[in-house]
Structures are given as structure tokens and as C-alpha cells.
Amino acid sequence: MNDSVGLARLTIRAATERDISRITDIYAHHVLTGLASLEVTPPDAAEMRRRLAAVIEQELPYLVAEWNGVVAGYAYAGPYRARAAYRYTLEDSVYVHHALGARGIGKELLERLIKECTAGGWRQMVAVIGDSANRASIALHKACGFKQVGLLPAVGCKFGRWIDCVLMQRSLGEGDATLPTGEG
């Protein structure tokens, strides 16, 4: 942990149902005020609970970061696409409480998520970042080894304007250097 940015008391752990209220609040703020998510209506706690259960059911990581004992952010990996050929590729999501940005919490979460996904045998991670002007998320992903691989211009419309999506990607483990066991 980097004590210089106040992370000495940061704990990253698996999310549980007891975290749903805080996760819901963090996400609602991003939905209502920003472009990191292209949802326009914040999901309620029941829907966020369902989403958490779906990630856990697929044996994928869903993490929370507690800072000074309070959930300060969360990150999870989900399937990139549903078709079987994509089964070794995941998409990440990272959200930090709006009052706690720029402290390194998102980086700690994403690094741990990458580590757990690599240990799980997945080979690629994709980030679909809402808004090409989302410098913080783009910089976070670059700092964690992602490279920009594409831009989808004007694929979303929110807050009365068109929104681009930035596509970033990084290899996990051996990436595409070898085929996963049992393939080929």
C-alpha cells in the first residue's frame, strides 16, 4: 500500500451482500452525474444484489475496497461477451466513491482484480470506458497495463450529448502466447 496517499488503512476483500447499500450509493452517483456508466437510471439495491450474485455465481471476482472501515469503491469482472469463444476474456468495472477519487483506491482495486482474474485462468481483460474525455479512467487503465485498442464514436447518448466509448485491453497471464489447457 502507498501510505503517502492515505492507503495505509485500505483493505480489499470479496464483496458481500452487506456491502450492497454502499455499492448502490457509489454507483448511483456515477450514473446520475457522470459518463463512466451509460446507464441513465440508477439501479436499486435489489438489482445491485442480483448483479453481485450473478458475478459470484460465475466464480468471478467482485471486490470492495474499505478505507478506514467504510466501502470506498468496488471492482468486478464479468464476461466480455456471452458467446463461448469469448470465454477467456473478461470486462472490468471499477467505481470509487466520488469524494475519495485520486487517492489510488481505483488502482489498488484494479490491480487486485487483474491478479485474481489471472489466477483464475482468464487470458484477456477489456475495459469499455464511457466518454473519451474520461481521463481518470483511461489513465488508471494505462497505469495497470492496458492499451487503447479502439474508439467507438457516438455509441451512447446521455445528458443531451453523444458519448464515445474507449476500448482498452491487456493480457492476463500468458495472454495469447499459448492456448488454454484443453484448447487446440
Protein backbone atom coordinates (compact mmCIF):
# COMPACT_ATOMS: atom_id res chain seq x y z
CA MET A 1 0.00 0.00 0.00
CA ASN A 2 1.09 3.55 -0.61
CA ASP A 3 0.92 5.38 2.69
CA SER A 4 1.73 8.70 1.03
CA VAL A 5 -1.77 8.84 -0.42
CA GLY A 6 -3.53 7.60 2.70
CA LEU A 7 -3.94 3.95 1.72
CA ALA A 8 -2.42 2.52 4.91
CA ARG A 9 -5.90 1.62 6.11
CA LEU A 10 -7.19 0.30 2.80
CA THR A 11 -8.42 -3.28 2.78
CA ILE A 12 -9.53 -5.08 -0.36
CA ARG A 13 -11.80 -8.08 0.10
CA ALA A 14 -14.56 -10.01 -1.62
CA ALA A 15 -17.85 -8.12 -1.73
CA THR A 16 -20.81 -9.49 0.22
CA GLU A 17 -24.49 -8.66 0.43
CA ARG A 18 -23.80 -6.43 3.42
CA ASP A 19 -21.93 -4.09 1.02
CA ILE A 20 -24.90 -3.60 -1.32
CA SER A 21 -26.15 -0.34 0.19
CA ARG A 22 -22.80 1.38 -0.17
CA ILE A 23 -22.16 -0.13 -3.64
CA THR A 24 -25.60 1.08 -4.74
CA ASP A 25 -24.90 4.60 -3.47
CA ILE A 26 -21.48 4.79 -5.14
CA TYR A 27 -22.85 3.59 -8.46
CA ALA A 28 -25.94 5.83 -8.32
CA HIS A 29 -23.74 8.91 -8.06
CA HIS A 30 -21.77 7.87 -11.16
CA VAL A 31 -24.96 7.10 -13.11
CA LEU A 32 -26.58 10.42 -12.19
CA THR A 33 -23.60 12.73 -12.58
CA GLY A 34 -21.08 11.18 -14.95
CA LEU A 35 -20.42 9.25 -18.09
CA ALA A 36 -18.40 6.34 -16.70
CA SER A 37 -21.65 4.38 -16.88
CA LEU A 38 -24.05 4.77 -19.75
CA GLU A 39 -26.99 3.72 -17.60
CA VAL A 40 -29.36 6.65 -17.16
CA THR A 41 -31.39 5.42 -14.19
CA PRO A 42 -29.54 4.10 -11.13
CA PRO A 43 -30.45 0.51 -10.30
CA ASP A 44 -31.96 -0.09 -6.88
CA ALA A 45 -30.39 -2.25 -4.17
CA ALA A 46 -32.32 -5.34 -5.29
CA GLU A 47 -30.88 -5.08 -8.80
CA MET A 48 -27.36 -4.45 -7.48
CA ARG A 49 -27.77 -7.52 -5.24
CA ARG A 50 -28.80 -9.55 -8.30
CA ARG A 51 -25.75 -8.31 -10.23
CA LEU A 52 -23.41 -9.20 -7.37
CA ALA A 53 -24.92 -12.69 -7.16
CA ALA A 54 -24.55 -13.17 -10.94
CA VAL A 55 -20.83 -12.35 -10.81
CA ILE A 56 -20.24 -14.61 -7.81
CA GLU A 57 -22.28 -17.42 -9.42
CA GLN A 58 -19.90 -17.34 -12.39
CA GLU A 59 -16.96 -17.64 -9.97
CA LEU A 60 -15.63 -14.23 -11.00
CA PRO A 61 -14.14 -11.70 -8.60
CA TYR A 62 -16.26 -8.91 -7.14
CA LEU A 63 -14.18 -6.82 -4.76
CA VAL A 64 -14.67 -3.90 -2.41
CA ALA A 65 -12.09 -1.55 -1.01
CA GLU A 66 -12.64 -0.48 2.58
CA TRP A 67 -10.89 2.73 3.53
CA ASN A 68 -10.95 3.49 7.24
CA GLY A 69 -13.60 0.78 7.63
CA VAL A 70 -16.03 2.15 5.01
CA VAL A 71 -16.56 0.80 1.49
CA ALA A 72 -14.79 3.36 -0.67
CA GLY A 73 -15.06 1.60 -4.01
CA TYR A 74 -15.65 -1.65 -5.80
CA ALA A 75 -14.49 -3.55 -8.84
CA TYR A 76 -15.60 -6.70 -10.58
CA ALA A 77 -15.03 -8.73 -13.71
CA GLY A 78 -17.75 -10.04 -15.93
CA PRO A 79 -17.82 -11.95 -19.18
CA TYR A 80 -16.82 -9.74 -22.13
CA ARG A 81 -19.47 -11.37 -24.33
CA ALA A 82 -21.80 -14.34 -23.86
CA ARG A 83 -20.68 -16.49 -26.80
CA ALA A 84 -18.43 -19.44 -25.92
CA ALA A 85 -15.44 -18.29 -27.98
CA TYR A 86 -15.09 -15.28 -25.65
CA ARG A 87 -14.87 -17.46 -22.51
CA TYR A 88 -11.26 -16.48 -21.73
CA THR A 89 -11.94 -12.73 -21.98
CA LEU A 90 -13.36 -10.59 -19.19
CA GLU A 91 -14.53 -6.99 -18.92
CA ASP A 92 -13.65 -4.99 -15.83
CA SER A 93 -15.66 -2.38 -13.95
CA VAL A 94 -14.22 -0.08 -11.27
CA TYR A 95 -16.07 2.58 -9.29
CA VAL A 96 -14.78 4.71 -6.41
CA HIS A 97 -16.82 6.97 -4.13
CA HIS A 98 -16.81 10.44 -5.70
CA ALA A 99 -15.34 12.09 -2.59
CA LEU A 100 -12.42 9.63 -2.49
CA GLY A 101 -11.05 9.88 -6.02
CA ALA A 102 -7.38 10.49 -6.84
CA ARG A 103 -6.17 8.54 -3.79
CA GLY A 104 -5.10 5.37 -5.57
CA ILE A 105 -8.12 3.33 -4.45
CA GLY A 106 -9.16 2.54 -8.02
CA LYS A 107 -5.64 1.40 -8.89
CA GLU A 108 -5.46 -0.89 -5.85
CA LEU A 109 -8.81 -2.40 -6.81
CA LEU A 110 -7.92 -2.89 -10.47
CA GLU A 111 -4.51 -4.39 -9.69
CA ARG A 112 -6.13 -6.90 -7.32
CA LEU A 113 -8.84 -7.68 -9.86
CA ILE A 114 -6.21 -8.35 -12.53
CA LYS A 115 -4.30 -10.60 -10.14
CA GLU A 116 -7.39 -12.65 -9.26
CA CYS A 117 -8.52 -12.95 -12.88
CA THR A 118 -5.05 -14.07 -13.93
CA ALA A 119 -5.02 -16.70 -11.17
CA GLY A 120 -8.44 -17.86 -12.42
CA GLY A 121 -7.01 -18.71 -15.84
CA TRP A 122 -8.56 -15.95 -17.92
CA ARG A 123 -6.36 -14.58 -20.69
CA GLN A 124 -7.61 -11.13 -21.69
CA MET A 125 -9.26 -8.20 -19.94
CA VAL A 126 -11.15 -5.48 -21.77
CA ALA A 127 -12.23 -2.09 -20.48
CA VAL A 128 -15.12 -0.29 -22.15
CA ILE A 129 -14.74 3.26 -20.88
CA GLY A 130 -17.65 5.63 -21.26
CA ASP A 131 -16.61 9.03 -22.63
CA SER A 132 -13.34 9.54 -24.46
CA ALA A 133 -12.76 12.54 -22.17
CA ASN A 134 -12.74 10.28 -19.06
CA ARG A 135 -9.06 10.94 -18.43
CA ALA A 136 -9.06 9.43 -14.94
CA SER A 137 -10.32 6.02 -16.06
CA ILE A 138 -8.12 5.97 -19.14
CA ALA A 139 -5.05 6.86 -17.03
CA LEU A 140 -5.98 4.23 -14.41
CA HIS A 141 -6.18 1.52 -17.04
CA LYS A 142 -2.92 2.62 -18.69
CA ALA A 143 -1.20 2.52 -15.29
CA CYS A 144 -2.40 -1.08 -14.94
CA GLY A 145 -1.04 -2.21 -18.30
CA PHE A 146 -4.00 -1.63 -20.61
CA LYS A 147 -3.53 -0.22 -24.11
CA GLN A 148 -6.14 1.64 -26.09
CA VAL A 149 -7.25 -0.64 -28.91
CA GLY A 150 -10.24 1.22 -30.23
CA LEU A 151 -12.73 4.04 -30.08
CA LEU A 152 -16.44 3.71 -30.71
CA PRO A 153 -17.60 7.22 -31.62
CA ALA A 154 -21.06 8.39 -30.57
CA VAL A 155 -22.42 5.00 -29.44
CA GLY A 156 -24.21 6.39 -26.39
CA CYS A 157 -26.42 9.38 -25.78
CA LYS A 158 -26.65 10.79 -22.24
CA PHE A 159 -27.09 14.25 -20.75
CA GLY A 160 -28.15 15.60 -24.14
CA ARG A 161 -24.97 14.67 -25.98
CA TRP A 162 -23.33 11.81 -27.85
CA ILE A 163 -20.85 9.71 -25.89
CA ASP A 164 -17.84 7.84 -27.26
CA CYS A 165 -16.57 4.62 -25.71
CA VAL A 166 -12.85 3.92 -25.44
CA LEU A 167 -11.81 0.28 -25.75
CA MET A 168 -8.73 -0.76 -23.80
CA GLN A 169 -7.25 -4.22 -23.39
CA ARG A 170 -4.50 -6.08 -21.56
CA SER A 171 -3.32 -9.66 -21.49
CA LEU A 172 -3.69 -11.75 -18.36
CA GLY A 173 -1.01 -14.31 -17.59
CA GLU A 174 0.22 -15.88 -20.82
CA GLY A 175 -2.37 -13.95 -22.83
CA ASP A 176 -2.39 -15.22 -26.38
CA ALA A 177 1.14 -16.70 -26.25
CA THR A 178 -0.34 -20.16 -25.66
CA LEU A 179 -3.72 -21.79 -25.88
CA PRO A 180 -5.50 -22.53 -22.61
CA THR A 181 -5.32 -26.13 -21.40
CA GLY A 182 -7.72 -28.33 -23.34
CA GLU A 183 -7.93 -25.99 -26.35
CA GLY A 184 -6.49 -26.79 -29.74
